[in-house]
């Protein structure tokens, strides 16, 4: 059981790293920093398409990572 949780933890960890690296940055250079700051002050632009999917996958994988880490620590005791 412990080996299964550790294996799942490694797989989720690698998946979380890949999904975070695939996401686009908040600012794309100096022009992105200026317009991004103004956009966050005056209105929010909803994420669309691939960015929204990657954001949701990141949340799911992060929750799985935390739950598996707690389970592995609990089974270790």
PDB file of N, CA and C in Angstrom:
ATOM      1  N   UNK A   1       0.823  -1.186   0.000  1.00  0.00           N
ATOM      2  CA  UNK A   1       0.000   0.000   0.000  1.00  0.00           C
ATOM      3  C   UNK A   1       0.867   1.250   0.000  1.00  0.00           C
ATOM      4  N   UNK A   2       1.925   1.193   0.806  1.00  0.00           N
ATOM      5  CA  UNK A   2       2.842   2.338   0.883  1.00  0.00           C
ATOM      6  C   UNK A   2       3.535   2.559  -0.461  1.00  0.00           C
ATOM      7  N   UNK A   3       3.945   1.489  -1.099  1.00  0.00           N
ATOM      8  CA  UNK A   3       4.625   1.604  -2.389  1.00  0.00           C
ATOM      9  C   UNK A   3       3.691   2.173  -3.455  1.00  0.00           C
ATOM     10  N   UNK A   4       2.414   1.808  -3.397  1.00  0.00           N
ATOM     11  CA  UNK A   4       1.436   2.339  -4.345  1.00  0.00           C
ATOM     12  C   UNK A   4       1.280   3.846  -4.180  1.00  0.00           C
ATOM     13  N   UNK A   5       1.162   4.298  -2.918  1.00  0.00           N
ATOM     14  CA  UNK A   5       1.015   5.735  -2.678  1.00  0.00           C
ATOM     15  C   UNK A   5       2.266   6.511  -3.072  1.00  0.00           C
ATOM     16  N   UNK A   6       3.442   5.937  -2.826  1.00  0.00           N
ATOM     17  CA  UNK A   6       4.681   6.614  -3.212  1.00  0.00           C
ATOM     18  C   UNK A   6       4.780   6.711  -4.729  1.00  0.00           C
ATOM     19  N   UNK A   7       4.398   5.643  -5.424  1.00  0.00           N
ATOM     20  CA  UNK A   7       4.421   5.655  -6.887  1.00  0.00           C
ATOM     21  C   UNK A   7       3.452   6.694  -7.437  1.00  0.00           C
ATOM     22  N   UNK A   8       2.238   6.737  -6.887  1.00  0.00           N
ATOM     23  CA  UNK A   8       1.266   7.748  -7.307  1.00  0.00           C
ATOM     24  C   UNK A   8       1.755   9.161  -7.011  1.00  0.00           C
ATOM     25  N   UNK A   9       2.430   9.334  -5.866  1.00  0.00           N
ATOM     26  CA  UNK A   9       2.964  10.642  -5.503  1.00  0.00           C
ATOM     27  C   UNK A   9       4.018  11.105  -6.505  1.00  0.00           C
ATOM     28  N   UNK A  10       4.870  10.203  -6.949  1.00  0.00           N
ATOM     29  CA  UNK A  10       5.894  10.549  -7.937  1.00  0.00           C
ATOM     30  C   UNK A  10       5.246  10.919  -9.273  1.00  0.00           C
ATOM     31  N   UNK A  11       4.231  10.152  -9.683  1.00  0.00           N
ATOM     32  CA  UNK A  11       3.559  10.427 -10.951  1.00  0.00           C
ATOM     33  C   UNK A  11       2.843  11.776 -10.897  1.00  0.00           C
ATOM     34  N   UNK A  12       2.135  12.043  -9.795  1.00  0.00           N
ATOM     35  CA  UNK A  12       1.430  13.325  -9.649  1.00  0.00           C
ATOM     36  C   UNK A  12       2.427  14.482  -9.586  1.00  0.00           C
ATOM     37  N   UNK A  13       3.562  14.268  -8.931  1.00  0.00           N
ATOM     38  CA  UNK A  13       4.582  15.314  -8.843  1.00  0.00           C
ATOM     39  C   UNK A  13       5.119  15.682 -10.224  1.00  0.00           C
ATOM     40  N   UNK A  14       5.425  14.684 -11.021  1.00  0.00           N
ATOM     41  CA  UNK A  14       5.928  14.945 -12.373  1.00  0.00           C
ATOM     42  C   UNK A  14       4.851  15.624 -13.216  1.00  0.00           C
ATOM     43  N   UNK A  15       3.606  15.171 -13.084  1.00  0.00           N
ATOM     44  CA  UNK A  15       2.512  15.801 -13.817  1.00  0.00           C
ATOM     45  C   UNK A  15       2.315  17.249 -13.416  1.00  0.00           C
ATOM     46  N   UNK A  16       2.418  17.537 -12.129  1.00  0.00           N
ATOM     47  CA  UNK A  16       2.273  18.912 -11.648  1.00  0.00           C
ATOM     48  C   UNK A  16       3.383  19.804 -12.181  1.00  0.00           C
ATOM     49  N   UNK A  17       4.598  19.307 -12.215  1.00  0.00           N
ATOM     50  CA  UNK A  17       5.720  20.081 -12.754  1.00  0.00           C
ATOM     51  C   UNK A  17       5.497  20.382 -14.230  1.00  0.00           C
ATOM     52  N   UNK A  18       5.072  19.385 -14.989  1.00  0.00           N
ATOM     53  CA  UNK A  18       4.855  19.564 -16.427  1.00  0.00           C
ATOM     54  C   UNK A  18       3.741  20.568 -16.695  1.00  0.00           C
ATOM     55  N   UNK A  19       2.641  20.458 -15.955  1.00  0.00           N
ATOM     56  CA  UNK A  19       1.508  21.359 -16.183  1.00  0.00           C
ATOM     57  C   UNK A  19       1.874  22.795 -15.824  1.00  0.00           C
ATOM     58  N   UNK A  20       2.619  22.986 -14.749  1.00  0.00           N
ATOM     59  CA  UNK A  20       3.026  24.346 -14.374  1.00  0.00           C
ATOM     60  C   UNK A  20       3.968  24.935 -15.423  1.00  0.00           C
ATOM     61  N   UNK A  21       4.866  24.125 -15.949  1.00  0.00           N
ATOM     62  CA  UNK A  21       5.789  24.630 -16.966  1.00  0.00           C
ATOM     63  C   UNK A  21       5.091  24.928 -18.295  1.00  0.00           C
ATOM     64  N   UNK A  22       3.985  24.266 -18.580  1.00  0.00           N
ATOM     65  CA  UNK A  22       3.260  24.510 -19.826  1.00  0.00           C
ATOM     66  C   UNK A  22       2.445  25.800 -19.797  1.00  0.00           C
ATOM     67  N   UNK A  23       2.157  26.318 -18.609  1.00  0.00           N
ATOM     68  CA  UNK A  23       1.338  27.524 -18.511  1.00  0.00           C
ATOM     69  C   UNK A  23       2.112  28.742 -18.986  1.00  0.00           C
ATOM     70  N   UNK A  24       1.374  29.667 -19.601  1.00  0.00           N
ATOM     71  CA  UNK A  24       2.013  30.898 -20.053  1.00  0.00           C
ATOM     72  C   UNK A  24       2.212  31.838 -18.870  1.00  0.00           C
ATOM     73  N   UNK A  25       3.238  32.665 -18.962  1.00  0.00           N
ATOM     74  CA  UNK A  25       3.540  33.592 -17.897  1.00  0.00           C
ATOM     75  C   UNK A  25       2.537  34.726 -17.827  1.00  0.00           C
ATOM     76  N   UNK A  26       2.500  35.410 -16.685  1.00  0.00           N
ATOM     77  CA  UNK A  26       1.580  36.533 -16.517  1.00  0.00           C
ATOM     78  C   UNK A  26       2.015  37.738 -17.337  1.00  0.00           C
ATOM     79  N   UNK A  27       3.307  37.920 -17.501  1.00  0.00           N
ATOM     80  CA  UNK A  27       3.781  39.061 -18.278  1.00  0.00           C
ATOM     81  C   UNK A  27       4.747  38.570 -19.347  1.00  0.00           C
ATOM     82  N   UNK A  28       4.633  39.158 -20.518  1.00  0.00           N
ATOM     83  CA  UNK A  28       5.510  38.791 -21.621  1.00  0.00           C
ATOM     84  C   UNK A  28       6.422  39.969 -21.922  1.00  0.00           C
ATOM     85  N   UNK A  29       7.412  40.155 -21.095  1.00  0.00           N
ATOM     86  CA  UNK A  29       8.325  41.266 -21.292  1.00  0.00           C
ATOM     87  C   UNK A  29       7.806  42.551 -20.668  1.00  0.00           C
ATOM     88  N   UNK A  30       8.407  43.676 -21.054  1.00  0.00           N
ATOM     89  CA  UNK A  30       8.053  44.964 -20.463  1.00  0.00           C
ATOM     90  C   UNK A  30       6.650  45.395 -20.860  1.00  0.00           C
ATOM     91  N   UNK A  31       6.278  45.209 -22.112  1.00  0.00           N
ATOM     92  CA  UNK A  31       4.938  45.623 -22.536  1.00  0.00           C
ATOM     93  C   UNK A  31       3.866  44.785 -21.857  1.00  0.00           C
ATOM     94  N   UNK A  32       4.148  43.519 -21.634  1.00  0.00           N
ATOM     95  CA  UNK A  32       3.198  42.676 -20.929  1.00  0.00           C
ATOM     96  C   UNK A  32       3.064  43.063 -19.471  1.00  0.00           C
ATOM     97  N   UNK A  33       4.155  43.517 -18.868  1.00  0.00           N
ATOM     98  CA  UNK A  33       4.107  43.935 -17.469  1.00  0.00           C
ATOM     99  C   UNK A  33       3.272  45.194 -17.310  1.00  0.00           C
ATOM    100  N   UNK A  34       3.416  46.125 -18.247  1.00  0.00           N
ATOM    101  CA  UNK A  34       2.667  47.382 -18.154  1.00  0.00           C
ATOM    102  C   UNK A  34       1.187  47.134 -18.412  1.00  0.00           C
ATOM    103  N   UNK A  35       0.860  46.450 -19.480  1.00  0.00           N
ATOM    104  CA  UNK A  35      -0.544  46.207 -19.793  1.00  0.00           C
ATOM    105  C   UNK A  35      -1.170  45.229 -18.805  1.00  0.00           C
ATOM    106  N   UNK A  36      -0.385  44.286 -18.317  1.00  0.00           N
ATOM    107  CA  UNK A  36      -0.912  43.341 -17.341  1.00  0.00           C
ATOM    108  C   UNK A  36      -1.261  44.013 -16.036  1.00  0.00           C
ATOM    109  N   UNK A  37      -0.446  44.969 -15.613  1.00  0.00           N
ATOM    110  CA  UNK A  37      -0.748  45.712 -14.392  1.00  0.00           C
ATOM    111  C   UNK A  37      -1.992  46.551 -14.539  1.00  0.00           C
ATOM    112  N   UNK A  38      -2.144  47.193 -15.685  1.00  0.00           N
ATOM    113  CA  UNK A  38      -3.340  47.992 -15.923  1.00  0.00           C
ATOM    114  C   UNK A  38      -4.568  47.100 -16.020  1.00  0.00           C
ATOM    115  N   UNK A  39      -4.416  45.950 -16.605  1.00  0.00           N
ATOM    116  CA  UNK A  39      -5.542  45.029 -16.741  1.00  0.00           C
ATOM    117  C   UNK A  39      -5.998  44.526 -15.382  1.00  0.00           C
ATOM    118  N   UNK A  40      -5.055  44.271 -14.472  1.00  0.00           N
ATOM    119  CA  UNK A  40      -5.443  43.781 -13.155  1.00  0.00           C
ATOM    120  C   UNK A  40      -6.086  44.875 -12.317  1.00  0.00           C
ATOM    121  N   UNK A  41      -5.791  46.142 -12.615  1.00  0.00           N
ATOM    122  CA  UNK A  41      -6.409  47.229 -11.873  1.00  0.00           C
ATOM    123  C   UNK A  41      -7.811  47.545 -12.375  1.00  0.00           C
ATOM    124  N   UNK A  42      -7.986  47.565 -13.678  1.00  0.00           N
ATOM    125  CA  UNK A  42      -9.232  48.053 -14.254  1.00  0.00           C
ATOM    126  C   UNK A  42     -10.195  46.967 -14.686  1.00  0.00           C
ATOM    127  N   UNK A  43      -9.791  45.750 -14.692  1.00  0.00           N
ATOM    128  CA  UNK A  43     -10.703  44.676 -15.090  1.00  0.00           C
ATOM    129  C   UNK A  43      -9.968  43.362 -15.155  1.00  0.00           C
ATOM    130  N   UNK A  44     -10.728  42.311 -15.079  1.00  0.00           N
ATOM    131  CA  UNK A  44     -10.106  40.991 -15.154  1.00  0.00           C
ATOM    132  C   UNK A  44     -10.452  40.349 -16.479  1.00  0.00           C
ATOM    133  N   UNK A  45      -9.433  39.827 -17.105  1.00  0.00           N
ATOM    134  CA  UNK A  45      -9.634  39.104 -18.355  1.00  0.00           C
ATOM    135  C   UNK A  45      -9.711  37.629 -18.007  1.00  0.00           C
ATOM    136  N   UNK A  46     -10.793  37.001 -18.388  1.00  0.00           N
ATOM    137  CA  UNK A  46     -10.964  35.593 -18.066  1.00  0.00           C
ATOM    138  C   UNK A  46     -10.033  34.746 -18.922  1.00  0.00           C
ATOM    139  N   UNK A  47      -9.478  33.742 -18.275  1.00  0.00           N
ATOM    140  CA  UNK A  47      -8.615  32.822 -19.008  1.00  0.00           C
ATOM    141  C   UNK A  47      -9.487  31.994 -19.951  1.00  0.00           C
ATOM    142  N   UNK A  48      -9.001  31.771 -21.136  1.00  0.00           N
ATOM    143  CA  UNK A  48      -9.769  31.024 -22.123  1.00  0.00           C
ATOM    144  C   UNK A  48      -8.928  29.889 -22.690  1.00  0.00           C
ATOM    145  N   UNK A  49      -9.623  28.883 -23.123  1.00  0.00           N
ATOM    146  CA  UNK A  49      -8.982  27.808 -23.851  1.00  0.00           C
ATOM    147  C   UNK A  49      -8.026  26.991 -23.024  1.00  0.00           C
ATOM    148  N   UNK A  50      -6.825  26.871 -23.551  1.00  0.00           N
ATOM    149  CA  UNK A  50      -5.809  26.015 -22.952  1.00  0.00           C
ATOM    150  C   UNK A  50      -5.371  26.520 -21.582  1.00  0.00           C
ATOM    151  N   UNK A  51      -5.297  27.836 -21.403  1.00  0.00           N
ATOM    152  CA  UNK A  51      -4.890  28.379 -20.106  1.00  0.00           C
ATOM    153  C   UNK A  51      -5.877  27.992 -19.010  1.00  0.00           C
ATOM    154  N   UNK A  52      -7.161  28.020 -19.314  1.00  0.00           N
ATOM    155  CA  UNK A  52      -8.173  27.643 -18.325  1.00  0.00           C
ATOM    156  C   UNK A  52      -8.068  26.158 -17.984  1.00  0.00           C
ATOM    157  N   UNK A  53      -7.875  25.335 -18.980  1.00  0.00           N
ATOM    158  CA  UNK A  53      -7.750  23.891 -18.749  1.00  0.00           C
ATOM    159  C   UNK A  53      -6.507  23.597 -17.914  1.00  0.00           C
ATOM    160  N   UNK A  54      -5.386  24.221 -18.241  1.00  0.00           N
ATOM    161  CA  UNK A  54      -4.154  24.001 -17.484  1.00  0.00           C
ATOM    162  C   UNK A  54      -4.295  24.492 -16.043  1.00  0.00           C
ATOM    163  N   UNK A  55      -5.013  25.595 -15.858  1.00  0.00           N
ATOM    164  CA  UNK A  55      -5.234  26.122 -14.509  1.00  0.00           C
ATOM    165  C   UNK A  55      -6.029  25.130 -13.662  1.00  0.00           C
ATOM    166  N   UNK A  56      -7.073  24.560 -14.244  1.00  0.00           N
ATOM    167  CA  UNK A  56      -7.897  23.596 -13.509  1.00  0.00           C
ATOM    168  C   UNK A  56      -7.146  22.305 -13.236  1.00  0.00           C
ATOM    169  N   UNK A  57      -6.357  21.853 -14.202  1.00  0.00           N
ATOM    170  CA  UNK A  57      -5.548  20.641 -13.989  1.00  0.00           C
ATOM    171  C   UNK A  57      -4.523  20.875 -12.894  1.00  0.00           C
ATOM    172  N   UNK A  58      -3.958  22.078 -12.836  1.00  0.00           N
ATOM    173  CA  UNK A  58      -2.989  22.408 -11.794  1.00  0.00           C
ATOM    174  C   UNK A  58      -3.629  22.330 -10.419  1.00  0.00           C
ATOM    175  N   UNK A  59      -4.840  22.842 -10.287  1.00  0.00           N
ATOM    176  CA  UNK A  59      -5.525  22.797  -8.999  1.00  0.00           C
ATOM    177  C   UNK A  59      -5.781  21.354  -8.578  1.00  0.00           C
ATOM    178  N   UNK A  60      -6.264  20.531  -9.505  1.00  0.00           N
ATOM    179  CA  UNK A  60      -6.556  19.131  -9.186  1.00  0.00           C
ATOM    180  C   UNK A  60      -5.282  18.388  -8.800  1.00  0.00           C
ATOM    181  N   UNK A  61      -4.215  18.582  -9.560  1.00  0.00           N
ATOM    182  CA  UNK A  61      -2.960  17.885  -9.250  1.00  0.00           C
ATOM    183  C   UNK A  61      -2.353  18.372  -7.935  1.00  0.00           C
ATOM    184  N   UNK A  62      -2.502  19.648  -7.622  1.00  0.00           N
ATOM    185  CA  UNK A  62      -1.979  20.160  -6.354  1.00  0.00           C
ATOM    186  C   UNK A  62      -2.721  19.553  -5.170  1.00  0.00           C
ATOM    187  N   UNK A  63      -4.039  19.444  -5.271  1.00  0.00           N
ATOM    188  CA  UNK A  63      -4.814  18.819  -4.192  1.00  0.00           C
ATOM    189  C   UNK A  63      -4.443  17.343  -4.056  1.00  0.00           C
ATOM    190  N   UNK A  64      -4.317  16.642  -5.185  1.00  0.00           N
ATOM    191  CA  UNK A  64      -3.887  15.237  -5.134  1.00  0.00           C
ATOM    192  C   UNK A  64      -2.507  15.090  -4.514  1.00  0.00           C
ATOM    193  N   UNK A  65      -1.594  16.005  -4.859  1.00  0.00           N
ATOM    194  CA  UNK A  65      -0.246  15.963  -4.311  1.00  0.00           C
ATOM    195  C   UNK A  65      -0.269  16.101  -2.790  1.00  0.00           C
ATOM    196  N   UNK A  66      -1.047  17.044  -2.290  1.00  0.00           N
ATOM    197  CA  UNK A  66      -1.113  17.261  -0.843  1.00  0.00           C
ATOM    198  C   UNK A  66      -1.727  16.046  -0.146  1.00  0.00           C
ATOM    199  N   UNK A  67      -2.820  15.526  -0.703  1.00  0.00           N
ATOM    200  CA  UNK A  67      -3.459  14.359  -0.087  1.00  0.00           C
ATOM    201  C   UNK A  67      -2.546  13.135  -0.094  1.00  0.00           C
ATOM    202  N   UNK A  68      -1.850  12.916  -1.205  1.00  0.00           N
ATOM    203  CA  UNK A  68      -0.939  11.769  -1.271  1.00  0.00           C
ATOM    204  C   UNK A  68       0.256  11.948  -0.339  1.00  0.00           C
ATOM    205  N   UNK A  69       0.757  13.171  -0.215  1.00  0.00           N
ATOM    206  CA  UNK A  69       1.883  13.414   0.690  1.00  0.00           C
ATOM    207  C   UNK A  69       1.480  13.146   2.141  1.00  0.00           C
ATOM    208  N   UNK A  70       0.268  13.560   2.505  1.00  0.00           N
ATOM    209  CA  UNK A  70      -0.222  13.283   3.864  1.00  0.00           C
ATOM    210  C   UNK A  70      -0.415  11.782   4.060  1.00  0.00           C
ATOM    211  N   UNK A  71      -0.950  11.100   3.050  1.00  0.00           N
ATOM    212  CA  UNK A  71      -1.162   9.661   3.156  1.00  0.00           C
ATOM    213  C   UNK A  71       0.162   8.908   3.293  1.00  0.00           C
ATOM    214  N   UNK A  72       1.155   9.296   2.514  1.00  0.00           N
ATOM    215  CA  UNK A  72       2.467   8.641   2.609  1.00  0.00           C
ATOM    216  C   UNK A  72       3.087   8.895   3.986  1.00  0.00           C
ATOM    217  N   UNK A  73       2.967  10.116   4.487  1.00  0.00           N
ATOM    218  CA  UNK A  73       3.514  10.418   5.816  1.00  0.00           C
ATOM    219  C   UNK A  73       2.772   9.645   6.909  1.00  0.00           C
ATOM    220  N   UNK A  74       1.462   9.507   6.755  1.00  0.00           N
ATOM    221  CA  UNK A  74       0.666   8.759   7.736  1.00  0.00           C
ATOM    222  C   UNK A  74       1.012   7.277   7.716  1.00  0.00           C
ATOM    223  N   UNK A  75       1.195   6.710   6.528  1.00  0.00           N
ATOM    224  CA  UNK A  75       1.527   5.288   6.437  1.00  0.00           C
ATOM    225  C   UNK A  75       2.958   4.990   6.888  1.00  0.00           C
ATOM    226  N   UNK A  76       3.789   6.010   6.874  1.00  0.00           N
ATOM    227  CA  UNK A  76       5.184   5.848   7.296  1.00  0.00           C
ATOM    228  C   UNK A  76       5.277   5.640   8.800  1.00  0.00           C
ATOM    229  N   UNK A  77       4.334   6.211   9.524  1.00  0.00           N
ATOM    230  CA  UNK A  77       4.363   6.148  10.997  1.00  0.00           C
ATOM    231  C   UNK A  77       4.056   4.745  11.493  1.00  0.00           C
TER     232      UNK A  77
END
